[in-house]
């Protein structure tokens, strides 16, 4: 965690707005939000986000390094190959 934040802390069932960039260990970016972020319910995303985002408080930022078993396991999704480790730079903007 680069910055833990000082606002509200989400739970695994919170809806959050997060600015993020997701990339593979090769450095290839597979997804990113705008600087204003995207809103997600944490119980409807990959397990790595459900477990990782609640470690931040609003205003917090850092990196999530997500092993395949907490991401898409042995499935290919879009441009993400099966068995991939995912890396996300995230900033928790708000807990909604």
C-alpha atoms as a PDB file:
ATOM      1  CA  UNK A   1       0.000   0.000   0.000  1.00  0.00           C
ATOM      2  CA  UNK A   2       1.441   3.323  -1.032  1.00  0.00           C
ATOM      3  CA  UNK A   3      -1.077   5.423   0.906  1.00  0.00           C
ATOM      4  CA  UNK A   4      -3.553   3.776   3.329  1.00  0.00           C
ATOM      5  CA  UNK A   5      -6.117   6.598   3.139  1.00  0.00           C
ATOM      6  CA  UNK A   6      -8.036   8.229   5.955  1.00  0.00           C
ATOM      7  CA  UNK A   7     -11.714   7.888   5.016  1.00  0.00           C
ATOM      8  CA  UNK A   8     -14.253   5.096   5.325  1.00  0.00           C
ATOM      9  CA  UNK A   9     -13.043   1.515   4.956  1.00  0.00           C
ATOM     10  CA  UNK A  10     -15.114  -0.796   2.751  1.00  0.00           C
ATOM     11  CA  UNK A  11     -16.184  -4.347   3.539  1.00  0.00           C
ATOM     12  CA  UNK A  12     -16.362  -7.277   1.123  1.00  0.00           C
ATOM     13  CA  UNK A  13     -19.994  -6.345   0.371  1.00  0.00           C
ATOM     14  CA  UNK A  14     -19.496  -2.576  -0.134  1.00  0.00           C
ATOM     15  CA  UNK A  15     -19.873  -0.765  -3.421  1.00  0.00           C
ATOM     16  CA  UNK A  16     -16.777   1.306  -4.169  1.00  0.00           C
ATOM     17  CA  UNK A  17     -15.495   3.791  -6.725  1.00  0.00           C
ATOM     18  CA  UNK A  18     -11.934   2.984  -7.714  1.00  0.00           C
ATOM     19  CA  UNK A  19      -9.513   4.471 -10.244  1.00  0.00           C
ATOM     20  CA  UNK A  20      -7.367   1.618 -11.517  1.00  0.00           C
ATOM     21  CA  UNK A  21      -5.042   0.221 -14.149  1.00  0.00           C
ATOM     22  CA  UNK A  22      -4.778  -3.532 -14.605  1.00  0.00           C
ATOM     23  CA  UNK A  23      -1.818  -5.162 -16.295  1.00  0.00           C
ATOM     24  CA  UNK A  24      -0.098  -8.491 -16.728  1.00  0.00           C
ATOM     25  CA  UNK A  25       3.373  -9.370 -15.433  1.00  0.00           C
ATOM     26  CA  UNK A  26       4.626  -8.631 -18.981  1.00  0.00           C
ATOM     27  CA  UNK A  27       3.506  -5.016 -18.469  1.00  0.00           C
ATOM     28  CA  UNK A  28       0.660  -5.303 -21.007  1.00  0.00           C
ATOM     29  CA  UNK A  29      -2.325  -3.219 -19.840  1.00  0.00           C
ATOM     30  CA  UNK A  30      -5.606  -5.110 -20.168  1.00  0.00           C
ATOM     31  CA  UNK A  31      -8.000  -2.624 -18.528  1.00  0.00           C
ATOM     32  CA  UNK A  32      -8.087   0.773 -16.889  1.00  0.00           C
ATOM     33  CA  UNK A  33     -10.633   3.241 -15.616  1.00  0.00           C
ATOM     34  CA  UNK A  34     -10.805   6.963 -16.175  1.00  0.00           C
ATOM     35  CA  UNK A  35      -9.252   9.172 -13.500  1.00  0.00           C
ATOM     36  CA  UNK A  36     -12.744   9.660 -12.032  1.00  0.00           C
ATOM     37  CA  UNK A  37     -12.919   5.904 -11.456  1.00  0.00           C
ATOM     38  CA  UNK A  38     -15.440   3.127 -11.921  1.00  0.00           C
ATOM     39  CA  UNK A  39     -17.984   1.870  -9.404  1.00  0.00           C
ATOM     40  CA  UNK A  40     -18.196  -1.814  -8.479  1.00  0.00           C
ATOM     41  CA  UNK A  41     -19.921  -3.904  -5.807  1.00  0.00           C
ATOM     42  CA  UNK A  42     -17.032  -5.828  -4.214  1.00  0.00           C
ATOM     43  CA  UNK A  43     -19.103  -9.018  -4.023  1.00  0.00           C
ATOM     44  CA  UNK A  44     -19.316  -9.094  -7.852  1.00  0.00           C
ATOM     45  CA  UNK A  45     -15.653  -8.798  -8.836  1.00  0.00           C
ATOM     46  CA  UNK A  46     -12.702 -11.185  -8.780  1.00  0.00           C
ATOM     47  CA  UNK A  47     -11.802 -12.559  -5.347  1.00  0.00           C
ATOM     48  CA  UNK A  48      -8.516 -10.624  -5.319  1.00  0.00           C
ATOM     49  CA  UNK A  49     -10.459  -7.351  -5.357  1.00  0.00           C
ATOM     50  CA  UNK A  50     -13.022  -8.576  -2.806  1.00  0.00           C
ATOM     51  CA  UNK A  51     -10.140  -9.381  -0.439  1.00  0.00           C
ATOM     52  CA  UNK A  52      -7.737  -6.575  -1.369  1.00  0.00           C
ATOM     53  CA  UNK A  53      -9.795  -3.396  -1.698  1.00  0.00           C
ATOM     54  CA  UNK A  54     -11.085  -3.561   1.939  1.00  0.00           C
ATOM     55  CA  UNK A  55      -7.462  -3.149   3.083  1.00  0.00           C
ATOM     56  CA  UNK A  56      -7.642   0.471   1.866  1.00  0.00           C
ATOM     57  CA  UNK A  57      -9.557   3.420   3.272  1.00  0.00           C
ATOM     58  CA  UNK A  58     -11.024   6.183   1.111  1.00  0.00           C
ATOM     59  CA  UNK A  59      -8.197   8.188  -0.440  1.00  0.00           C
ATOM     60  CA  UNK A  60      -5.843   5.210  -0.206  1.00  0.00           C
ATOM     61  CA  UNK A  61      -3.789   3.923  -3.098  1.00  0.00           C
ATOM     62  CA  UNK A  62      -1.411   1.116  -3.861  1.00  0.00           C
ATOM     63  CA  UNK A  63      -0.881  -2.064  -5.831  1.00  0.00           C
ATOM     64  CA  UNK A  64      -2.762  -5.349  -5.751  1.00  0.00           C
ATOM     65  CA  UNK A  65      -0.775  -8.371  -6.937  1.00  0.00           C
ATOM     66  CA  UNK A  66      -3.411 -11.027  -7.561  1.00  0.00           C
ATOM     67  CA  UNK A  67      -2.501 -14.679  -8.120  1.00  0.00           C
ATOM     68  CA  UNK A  68      -4.463 -16.643 -10.706  1.00  0.00           C
ATOM     69  CA  UNK A  69      -6.485 -18.544  -8.092  1.00  0.00           C
ATOM     70  CA  UNK A  70      -7.941 -15.198  -6.878  1.00  0.00           C
ATOM     71  CA  UNK A  71      -8.502 -13.944 -10.434  1.00  0.00           C
ATOM     72  CA  UNK A  72      -9.657 -16.035 -13.412  1.00  0.00           C
ATOM     73  CA  UNK A  73      -7.870 -19.296 -12.503  1.00  0.00           C
ATOM     74  CA  UNK A  74      -7.411 -21.459 -15.605  1.00  0.00           C
ATOM     75  CA  UNK A  75      -9.814 -19.478 -17.798  1.00  0.00           C
ATOM     76  CA  UNK A  76      -8.872 -16.976 -20.502  1.00  0.00           C
ATOM     77  CA  UNK A  77     -10.923 -13.784 -20.257  1.00  0.00           C
ATOM     78  CA  UNK A  78     -10.667 -11.265 -23.088  1.00  0.00           C
ATOM     79  CA  UNK A  79      -6.965 -10.544 -23.578  1.00  0.00           C
ATOM     80  CA  UNK A  80      -6.035 -12.122 -20.220  1.00  0.00           C
ATOM     81  CA  UNK A  81      -4.454 -15.575 -20.717  1.00  0.00           C
ATOM     82  CA  UNK A  82      -5.491 -18.496 -18.488  1.00  0.00           C
ATOM     83  CA  UNK A  83      -3.455 -18.773 -15.295  1.00  0.00           C
ATOM     84  CA  UNK A  84      -2.374 -15.119 -15.290  1.00  0.00           C
ATOM     85  CA  UNK A  85      -1.161 -13.161 -12.293  1.00  0.00           C
ATOM     86  CA  UNK A  86      -2.876  -9.760 -12.400  1.00  0.00           C
ATOM     87  CA  UNK A  87      -1.420  -6.467 -11.174  1.00  0.00           C
ATOM     88  CA  UNK A  88      -3.606  -3.483 -10.390  1.00  0.00           C
ATOM     89  CA  UNK A  89      -2.594   0.051  -9.459  1.00  0.00           C
ATOM     90  CA  UNK A  90      -5.619   1.281  -7.495  1.00  0.00           C
ATOM     91  CA  UNK A  91      -6.883   4.395  -5.762  1.00  0.00           C
ATOM     92  CA  UNK A  92      -9.977   4.025  -3.599  1.00  0.00           C
ATOM     93  CA  UNK A  93     -11.968   7.153  -4.334  1.00  0.00           C
ATOM     94  CA  UNK A  94     -15.086   6.418  -2.293  1.00  0.00           C
ATOM     95  CA  UNK A  95     -17.130   3.833  -0.451  1.00  0.00           C
ATOM     96  CA  UNK A  96     -20.682   4.214  -1.728  1.00  0.00           C
END
